[in-house]
Every structure is written in structure tokens, then in C-alpha cells.
Amino acid sequence: ETDWIGGQLTSQAVPPDEGVWIEEVGCTASYRA
């Protein structure tokens, strides 16, 4: 609907709220990429 893809990460401008172990475990490989 906007002219930016990404939603929370971009057009809504919200820095990621993530789990406490996000650097080691807790997300998919593509999110880590």
C-alpha cells in the first residue's frame, strides 16, 4: 500500500523488537541474513 516494502522495519519505522538470544538463536536463517 505504501511506496516502501518492509512494514514494521521501514514504512512504520520501528526498530526491531527481538528476543534476548537473537544473536545466537530464535529466528529463521533468512531473518538472520
ModelCIF file with pLDDT and N, C-alpha, C, O atoms, coordinates in Angstrom:
data_MODEL
#
_entry.id   MODEL 
#
_entity.id                         1 
_entity.type                       polymer 
_entity.pdbx_number_of_molecules   1 
#
_entity_poly.entity_id                      1 
_entity_poly.type                           'polypeptide(L)' 
_entity_poly.nstd_linkage                   no 
_entity_poly.nstd_monomer                   no 
_entity_poly.pdbx_seq_one_letter_code       ETDWIGGQLTSQAVPPDEGVWIEEVGCTASYRA 
_entity_poly.pdbx_seq_one_letter_code_can   ETDWIGGQLTSQAVPPDEGVWIEEVGCTASYRA 
_entity_poly.pdbx_strand_id                 A 
#
loop_
_entity_poly_seq.entity_id 
_entity_poly_seq.num 
_entity_poly_seq.mon_id 
_entity_poly_seq.hetero 
1 1  GLU n 
1 2  THR n 
1 3  ASP n 
1 4  TRP n 
1 5  ILE n 
1 6  GLY n 
1 7  GLY n 
1 8  GLN n 
1 9  LEU n 
1 10 THR n 
1 11 SER n 
1 12 GLN n 
1 13 ALA n 
1 14 VAL n 
1 15 PRO n 
1 16 PRO n 
1 17 ASP n 
1 18 GLU n 
1 19 GLY n 
1 20 VAL n 
1 21 TRP n 
1 22 ILE n 
1 23 GLU n 
1 24 GLU n 
1 25 VAL n 
1 26 GLY n 
1 27 CYS n 
1 28 THR n 
1 29 ALA n 
1 30 SER n 
1 31 TYR n 
1 32 ARG n 
1 33 ALA n 
#
_struct_asym.id          A 
_struct_asym.entity_id   1 
#
loop_
_ma_qa_metric.id 
_ma_qa_metric.mode 
_ma_qa_metric.name 
_ma_qa_metric.software_group_id 
_ma_qa_metric.type 
1 global pLDDT . pLDDT 
2 local  pLDDT . pLDDT 
#
_ma_qa_metric_global.metric_id      1 
_ma_qa_metric_global.metric_value   96.58 
_ma_qa_metric_global.model_id       1 
_ma_qa_metric_global.ordinal_id     1 
#
loop_
_ma_qa_metric_local.label_asym_id 
_ma_qa_metric_local.label_comp_id 
_ma_qa_metric_local.label_seq_id 
_ma_qa_metric_local.metric_id 
_ma_qa_metric_local.metric_value 
_ma_qa_metric_local.model_id 
_ma_qa_metric_local.ordinal_id 
A GLU 1  2 98.00 1 1  
A THR 2  2 98.00 1 2  
A ASP 3  2 98.00 1 3  
A TRP 4  2 98.00 1 4  
A ILE 5  2 98.00 1 5  
A GLY 6  2 98.00 1 6  
A GLY 7  2 98.00 1 7  
A GLN 8  2 97.00 1 8  
A LEU 9  2 98.00 1 9  
A THR 10 2 98.00 1 10 
A SER 11 2 98.00 1 11 
A GLN 12 2 98.00 1 12 
A ALA 13 2 98.00 1 13 
A VAL 14 2 96.00 1 14 
A PRO 15 2 92.00 1 15 
A PRO 16 2 94.00 1 16 
A ASP 17 2 93.00 1 17 
A GLU 18 2 95.00 1 18 
A GLY 19 2 92.00 1 19 
A VAL 20 2 93.00 1 20 
A TRP 21 2 95.00 1 21 
A ILE 22 2 96.00 1 22 
A GLU 23 2 96.00 1 23 
A GLU 24 2 95.00 1 24 
A VAL 25 2 96.00 1 25 
A GLY 26 2 96.00 1 26 
A CYS 27 2 97.00 1 27 
A THR 28 2 98.00 1 28 
A ALA 29 2 98.00 1 29 
A SER 30 2 98.00 1 30 
A TYR 31 2 98.00 1 31 
A ARG 32 2 98.00 1 32 
A ALA 33 2 98.00 1 33 
#
loop_
_atom_site.group_PDB 
_atom_site.id 
_atom_site.type_symbol 
_atom_site.label_atom_id 
_atom_site.label_alt_id 
_atom_site.label_comp_id 
_atom_site.label_asym_id 
_atom_site.label_entity_id 
_atom_site.label_seq_id 
_atom_site.pdbx_PDB_ins_code 
_atom_site.Cartn_x 
_atom_site.Cartn_y 
_atom_site.Cartn_z 
_atom_site.occupancy 
_atom_site.B_iso_or_equiv 
_atom_site.pdbx_formal_charge 
_atom_site.auth_seq_id 
_atom_site.auth_comp_id 
_atom_site.auth_asym_id 
_atom_site.auth_atom_id 
_atom_site.pdbx_PDB_model_num 
ATOM 1   N N  . GLU A 1 1  ? 0.809  -1.216  0.000  1.00 98.00 ? 1  GLU A N  1 
ATOM 2   C CA . GLU A 1 1  ? 0.000  0.000   0.000  1.00 98.00 ? 1  GLU A CA 1 
ATOM 3   C C  . GLU A 1 1  ? 0.842  1.265   0.000  1.00 98.00 ? 1  GLU A C  1 
ATOM 4   O O  . GLU A 1 1  ? 0.414  2.277   -0.556 1.00 98.00 ? 1  GLU A O  1 
ATOM 5   N N  . THR A 1 2  ? 2.028  1.244   0.606  1.00 98.00 ? 2  THR A N  1 
ATOM 6   C CA . THR A 1 2  ? 2.904  2.409   0.590  1.00 98.00 ? 2  THR A CA 1 
ATOM 7   C C  . THR A 1 2  ? 3.907  2.266   -0.557 1.00 98.00 ? 2  THR A C  1 
ATOM 8   O O  . THR A 1 2  ? 3.797  1.359   -1.382 1.00 98.00 ? 2  THR A O  1 
ATOM 9   N N  . ASP A 1 3  ? 4.881  3.171   -0.597 1.00 98.00 ? 3  ASP A N  1 
ATOM 10  C CA . ASP A 1 3  ? 5.903  3.054   -1.638 1.00 98.00 ? 3  ASP A CA 1 
ATOM 11  C C  . ASP A 1 3  ? 7.194  2.448   -1.097 1.00 98.00 ? 3  ASP A C  1 
ATOM 12  O O  . ASP A 1 3  ? 8.227  2.511   -1.763 1.00 98.00 ? 3  ASP A O  1 
ATOM 13  N N  . TRP A 1 4  ? 7.152  1.862   0.099  1.00 98.00 ? 4  TRP A N  1 
ATOM 14  C CA . TRP A 1 4  ? 8.276  1.120   0.673  1.00 98.00 ? 4  TRP A CA 1 
ATOM 15  C C  . TRP A 1 4  ? 7.812  -0.251  1.105  1.00 98.00 ? 4  TRP A C  1 
ATOM 16  O O  . TRP A 1 4  ? 6.790  -0.368  1.780  1.00 98.00 ? 4  TRP A O  1 
ATOM 17  N N  . ILE A 1 5  ? 8.538  -1.298  0.731  1.00 98.00 ? 5  ILE A N  1 
ATOM 18  C CA . ILE A 1 5  ? 8.304  -2.606  1.329  1.00 98.00 ? 5  ILE A CA 1 
ATOM 19  C C  . ILE A 1 5  ? 8.952  -2.629  2.725  1.00 98.00 ? 5  ILE A C  1 
ATOM 20  O O  . ILE A 1 5  ? 9.829  -1.818  3.021  1.00 98.00 ? 5  ILE A O  1 
ATOM 21  N N  . GLY A 1 6  ? 8.516  -3.555  3.565  1.00 98.00 ? 6  GLY A N  1 
ATOM 22  C CA . GLY A 1 6  ? 9.182  -3.740  4.847  1.00 98.00 ? 6  GLY A CA 1 
ATOM 23  C C  . GLY A 1 6  ? 8.336  -3.529  6.074  1.00 98.00 ? 6  GLY A C  1 
ATOM 24  O O  . GLY A 1 6  ? 8.674  -4.056  7.134  1.00 98.00 ? 6  GLY A O  1 
ATOM 25  N N  . GLY A 1 7  ? 7.238  -2.775  5.983  1.00 98.00 ? 7  GLY A N  1 
ATOM 26  C CA . GLY A 1 7  ? 6.318  -2.662  7.114  1.00 98.00 ? 7  GLY A CA 1 
ATOM 27  C C  . GLY A 1 7  ? 6.950  -2.133  8.383  1.00 98.00 ? 7  GLY A C  1 
ATOM 28  O O  . GLY A 1 7  ? 7.484  -1.024  8.406  1.00 98.00 ? 7  GLY A O  1 
ATOM 29  N N  . GLN A 1 8  ? 6.888  -2.938  9.453  1.00 97.00 ? 8  GLN A N  1 
ATOM 30  C CA . GLN A 1 8  ? 7.430  -2.508  10.741 1.00 97.00 ? 8  GLN A CA 1 
ATOM 31  C C  . GLN A 1 8  ? 8.867  -2.013  10.599 1.00 97.00 ? 8  GLN A C  1 
ATOM 32  O O  . GLN A 1 8  ? 9.253  -1.039  11.246 1.00 97.00 ? 8  GLN A O  1 
ATOM 33  N N  . LEU A 1 9  ? 9.654  -2.671  9.764  1.00 98.00 ? 9  LEU A N  1 
ATOM 34  C CA . LEU A 1 9  ? 11.073 -2.362  9.642  1.00 98.00 ? 9  LEU A CA 1 
ATOM 35  C C  . LEU A 1 9  ? 11.353 -1.078  8.879  1.00 98.00 ? 9  LEU A C  1 
ATOM 36  O O  . LEU A 1 9  ? 12.435 -0.508  9.018  1.00 98.00 ? 9  LEU A O  1 
ATOM 37  N N  . THR A 1 10 ? 10.407 -0.612  8.078  1.00 98.00 ? 10 THR A N  1 
ATOM 38  C CA . THR A 1 10 ? 10.691 0.504   7.171  1.00 98.00 ? 10 THR A CA 1 
ATOM 39  C C  . THR A 1 10 ? 9.596  1.562   7.215  1.00 98.00 ? 10 THR A C  1 
ATOM 40  O O  . THR A 1 10 ? 9.791  2.628   7.800  1.00 98.00 ? 10 THR A O  1 
ATOM 41  N N  . SER A 1 11 ? 8.460  1.284   6.610  1.00 98.00 ? 11 SER A N  1 
ATOM 42  C CA . SER A 1 11 ? 7.414  2.301   6.473  1.00 98.00 ? 11 SER A CA 1 
ATOM 43  C C  . SER A 1 11 ? 6.808  2.695   7.814  1.00 98.00 ? 11 SER A C  1 
ATOM 44  O O  . SER A 1 11 ? 6.314  3.813   7.960  1.00 98.00 ? 11 SER A O  1 
ATOM 45  N N  . GLN A 1 12 ? 6.837  1.794   8.795  1.00 98.00 ? 12 GLN A N  1 
ATOM 46  C CA . GLN A 1 12 ? 6.344  2.127   10.131 1.00 98.00 ? 12 GLN A CA 1 
ATOM 47  C C  . GLN A 1 12 ? 7.472  2.612   11.042 1.00 98.00 ? 12 GLN A C  1 
ATOM 48  O O  . GLN A 1 12 ? 7.221  3.138   12.126 1.00 98.00 ? 12 GLN A O  1 
ATOM 49  N N  . ALA A 1 13 ? 8.711  2.431   10.593 1.00 98.00 ? 13 ALA A N  1 
ATOM 50  C CA . ALA A 1 13 ? 9.911  3.000   11.226 1.00 98.00 ? 13 ALA A CA 1 
ATOM 51  C C  . ALA A 1 13 ? 10.147 2.492   12.642 1.00 98.00 ? 13 ALA A C  1 
ATOM 52  O O  . ALA A 1 13 ? 10.574 3.256   13.507 1.00 98.00 ? 13 ALA A O  1 
ATOM 53  N N  . VAL A 1 14 ? 9.878  1.224   12.887 1.00 96.00 ? 14 VAL A N  1 
ATOM 54  C CA . VAL A 1 14 ? 10.037 0.675   14.235 1.00 96.00 ? 14 VAL A CA 1 
ATOM 55  C C  . VAL A 1 14 ? 11.294 -0.195  14.282 1.00 96.00 ? 14 VAL A C  1 
ATOM 56  O O  . VAL A 1 14 ? 11.331 -1.243  13.638 1.00 96.00 ? 14 VAL A O  1 
ATOM 57  N N  . PRO A 1 15 ? 12.324 0.214   15.029 1.00 92.00 ? 15 PRO A N  1 
ATOM 58  C CA . PRO A 1 15 ? 13.498 -0.661  15.167 1.00 92.00 ? 15 PRO A CA 1 
ATOM 59  C C  . PRO A 1 15 ? 13.084 -2.018  15.713 1.00 92.00 ? 15 PRO A C  1 
ATOM 60  O O  . PRO A 1 15 ? 12.135 -2.100  16.492 1.00 92.00 ? 15 PRO A O  1 
ATOM 61  N N  . PRO A 1 16 ? 13.773 -3.079  15.324 1.00 94.00 ? 16 PRO A N  1 
ATOM 62  C CA . PRO A 1 16 ? 13.326 -4.428  15.690 1.00 94.00 ? 16 PRO A CA 1 
ATOM 63  C C  . PRO A 1 16 ? 13.210 -4.647  17.192 1.00 94.00 ? 16 PRO A C  1 
ATOM 64  O O  . PRO A 1 16 ? 14.143 -4.366  17.945 1.00 94.00 ? 16 PRO A O  1 
ATOM 65  N N  . ASP A 1 17 ? 12.055 -5.152  17.618 1.00 93.00 ? 17 ASP A N  1 
ATOM 66  C CA . ASP A 1 17 ? 11.879 -5.683  18.967 1.00 93.00 ? 17 ASP A CA 1 
ATOM 67  C C  . ASP A 1 17 ? 12.127 -7.187  18.868 1.00 93.00 ? 17 ASP A C  1 
ATOM 68  O O  . ASP A 1 17 ? 11.405 -7.899  18.171 1.00 93.00 ? 17 ASP A O  1 
ATOM 69  N N  . GLU A 1 18 ? 13.143 -7.657  19.564 1.00 95.00 ? 18 GLU A N  1 
ATOM 70  C CA . GLU A 1 18 ? 13.584 -9.035  19.365 1.00 95.00 ? 18 GLU A CA 1 
ATOM 71  C C  . GLU A 1 18 ? 13.814 -9.730  20.706 1.00 95.00 ? 18 GLU A C  1 
ATOM 72  O O  . GLU A 1 18 ? 13.847 -9.091  21.758 1.00 95.00 ? 18 GLU A O  1 
ATOM 73  N N  . GLY A 1 19 ? 13.971 -11.034 20.645 1.00 92.00 ? 19 GLY A N  1 
ATOM 74  C CA . GLY A 1 19 ? 14.233 -11.824 21.833 1.00 92.00 ? 19 GLY A CA 1 
ATOM 75  C C  . GLY A 1 19 ? 15.643 -11.615 22.365 1.00 92.00 ? 19 GLY A C  1 
ATOM 76  O O  . GLY A 1 19 ? 16.515 -11.087 21.675 1.00 92.00 ? 19 GLY A O  1 
ATOM 77  N N  . VAL A 1 20 ? 15.846 -12.039 23.601 1.00 93.00 ? 20 VAL A N  1 
ATOM 78  C CA . VAL A 1 20 ? 17.127 -11.782 24.254 1.00 93.00 ? 20 VAL A CA 1 
ATOM 79  C C  . VAL A 1 20 ? 18.262 -12.612 23.681 1.00 93.00 ? 20 VAL A C  1 
ATOM 80  O O  . VAL A 1 20 ? 19.426 -12.252 23.852 1.00 93.00 ? 20 VAL A O  1 
ATOM 81  N N  . TRP A 1 21 ? 17.954 -13.719 23.003 1.00 95.00 ? 21 TRP A N  1 
ATOM 82  C CA . TRP A 1 21 ? 19.011 -14.573 22.449 1.00 95.00 ? 21 TRP A CA 1 
ATOM 83  C C  . TRP A 1 21 ? 19.126 -14.429 20.932 1.00 95.00 ? 21 TRP A C  1 
ATOM 84  O O  . TRP A 1 21 ? 19.657 -15.320 20.270 1.00 95.00 ? 21 TRP A O  1 
ATOM 85  N N  . ILE A 1 22 ? 18.645 -13.342 20.384 1.00 96.00 ? 22 ILE A N  1 
ATOM 86  C CA . ILE A 1 22 ? 18.509 -13.210 18.935 1.00 96.00 ? 22 ILE A CA 1 
ATOM 87  C C  . ILE A 1 22 ? 19.842 -13.369 18.195 1.00 96.00 ? 22 ILE A C  1 
ATOM 88  O O  . ILE A 1 22 ? 19.851 -13.808 17.045 1.00 96.00 ? 22 ILE A O  1 
ATOM 89  N N  . GLU A 1 23 ? 20.958 -13.023 18.825 1.00 96.00 ? 23 GLU A N  1 
ATOM 90  C CA . GLU A 1 23 ? 22.241 -13.144 18.139 1.00 96.00 ? 23 GLU A CA 1 
ATOM 91  C C  . GLU A 1 23 ? 22.667 -14.599 17.964 1.00 96.00 ? 23 GLU A C  1 
ATOM 92  O O  . GLU A 1 23 ? 23.487 -14.903 17.098 1.00 96.00 ? 23 GLU A O  1 
ATOM 93  N N  . GLU A 1 24 ? 22.123 -15.487 18.768 1.00 95.00 ? 24 GLU A N  1 
ATOM 94  C CA . GLU A 1 24 ? 22.531 -16.892 18.711 1.00 95.00 ? 24 GLU A CA 1 
ATOM 95  C C  . GLU A 1 24 ? 21.431 -17.815 18.208 1.00 95.00 ? 24 GLU A C  1 
ATOM 96  O O  . GLU A 1 24 ? 21.699 -18.743 17.445 1.00 95.00 ? 24 GLU A O  1 
ATOM 97  N N  . VAL A 1 25 ? 20.190 -17.564 18.634 1.00 96.00 ? 25 VAL A N  1 
ATOM 98  C CA . VAL A 1 25 ? 19.105 -18.488 18.328 1.00 96.00 ? 25 VAL A CA 1 
ATOM 99  C C  . VAL A 1 25 ? 17.789 -17.717 18.413 1.00 96.00 ? 25 VAL A C  1 
ATOM 100 O O  . VAL A 1 25 ? 17.702 -16.701 19.104 1.00 96.00 ? 25 VAL A O  1 
ATOM 101 N N  . GLY A 1 26 ? 16.770 -18.203 17.709 1.00 96.00 ? 26 GLY A N  1 
ATOM 102 C CA . GLY A 1 26 ? 15.453 -17.599 17.858 1.00 96.00 ? 26 GLY A CA 1 
ATOM 103 C C  . GLY A 1 26 ? 14.919 -16.916 16.631 1.00 96.00 ? 26 GLY A C  1 
ATOM 104 O O  . GLY A 1 26 ? 14.004 -16.099 16.738 1.00 96.00 ? 26 GLY A O  1 
ATOM 105 N N  . CYS A 1 27 ? 15.465 -17.223 15.445 1.00 97.00 ? 27 CYS A N  1 
ATOM 106 C CA . CYS A 1 27 ? 14.914 -16.645 14.213 1.00 97.00 ? 27 CYS A CA 1 
ATOM 107 C C  . CYS A 1 27 ? 15.274 -17.549 13.042 1.00 97.00 ? 27 CYS A C  1 
ATOM 108 O O  . CYS A 1 27 ? 16.085 -18.465 13.178 1.00 97.00 ? 27 CYS A O  1 
ATOM 109 N N  . THR A 1 28 ? 14.667 -17.285 11.901 1.00 98.00 ? 28 THR A N  1 
ATOM 110 C CA . THR A 1 28 ? 14.955 -18.088 10.718 1.00 98.00 ? 28 THR A CA 1 
ATOM 111 C C  . THR A 1 28 ? 16.257 -17.635 10.063 1.00 98.00 ? 28 THR A C  1 
ATOM 112 O O  . THR A 1 28 ? 16.757 -16.544 10.338 1.00 98.00 ? 28 THR A O  1 
ATOM 113 N N  . ALA A 1 29 ? 16.796 -18.482 9.197  1.00 98.00 ? 29 ALA A N  1 
ATOM 114 C CA . ALA A 1 29 ? 18.057 -18.150 8.518  1.00 98.00 ? 29 ALA A CA 1 
ATOM 115 C C  . ALA A 1 29 ? 17.916 -16.893 7.666  1.00 98.00 ? 29 ALA A C  1 
ATOM 116 O O  . ALA A 1 29 ? 18.851 -16.096 7.578  1.00 98.00 ? 29 ALA A O  1 
ATOM 117 N N  . SER A 1 30 ? 16.765 -16.710 7.043  1.00 98.00 ? 30 SER A N  1 
ATOM 118 C CA . SER A 1 30 ? 16.604 -15.527 6.184  1.00 98.00 ? 30 SER A CA 1 
ATOM 119 C C  . SER A 1 30 ? 16.490 -14.255 7.008  1.00 98.00 ? 30 SER A C  1 
ATOM 120 O O  . SER A 1 30 ? 16.965 -13.202 6.582  1.00 98.00 ? 30 SER A O  1 
ATOM 121 N N  . TYR A 1 31 ? 15.862 -14.333 8.192  1.00 98.00 ? 31 TYR A N  1 
ATOM 122 C CA . TYR A 1 31 ? 15.830 -13.158 9.061  1.00 98.00 ? 31 TYR A CA 1 
ATOM 123 C C  . TYR A 1 31 ? 17.230 -12.846 9.564  1.00 98.00 ? 31 TYR A C  1 
ATOM 124 O O  . TYR A 1 31 ? 17.601 -11.679 9.688  1.00 98.00 ? 31 TYR A O  1 
ATOM 125 N N  . ARG A 1 32 ? 18.010 -13.881 9.855  1.00 98.00 ? 32 ARG A N  1 
ATOM 126 C CA . ARG A 1 32 ? 19.388 -13.642 10.263 1.00 98.00 ? 32 ARG A CA 1 
ATOM 127 C C  . ARG A 1 32 ? 20.186 -13.024 9.120  1.00 98.00 ? 32 ARG A C  1 
ATOM 128 O O  . ARG A 1 32 ? 21.050 -12.179 9.353  1.00 98.00 ? 32 ARG A O  1 
ATOM 129 N N  . ALA A 1 33 ? 19.901 -13.441 7.890  1.00 98.00 ? 33 ALA A N  1 
ATOM 130 C CA . ALA A 1 33 ? 20.573 -12.835 6.734  1.00 98.00 ? 33 ALA A CA 1 
ATOM 131 C C  . ALA A 1 33 ? 20.209 -11.355 6.618  1.00 98.00 ? 33 ALA A C  1 
ATOM 132 O O  . ALA A 1 33 ? 20.678 -10.674 5.706  1.00 98.00 ? 33 ALA A O  1 
#
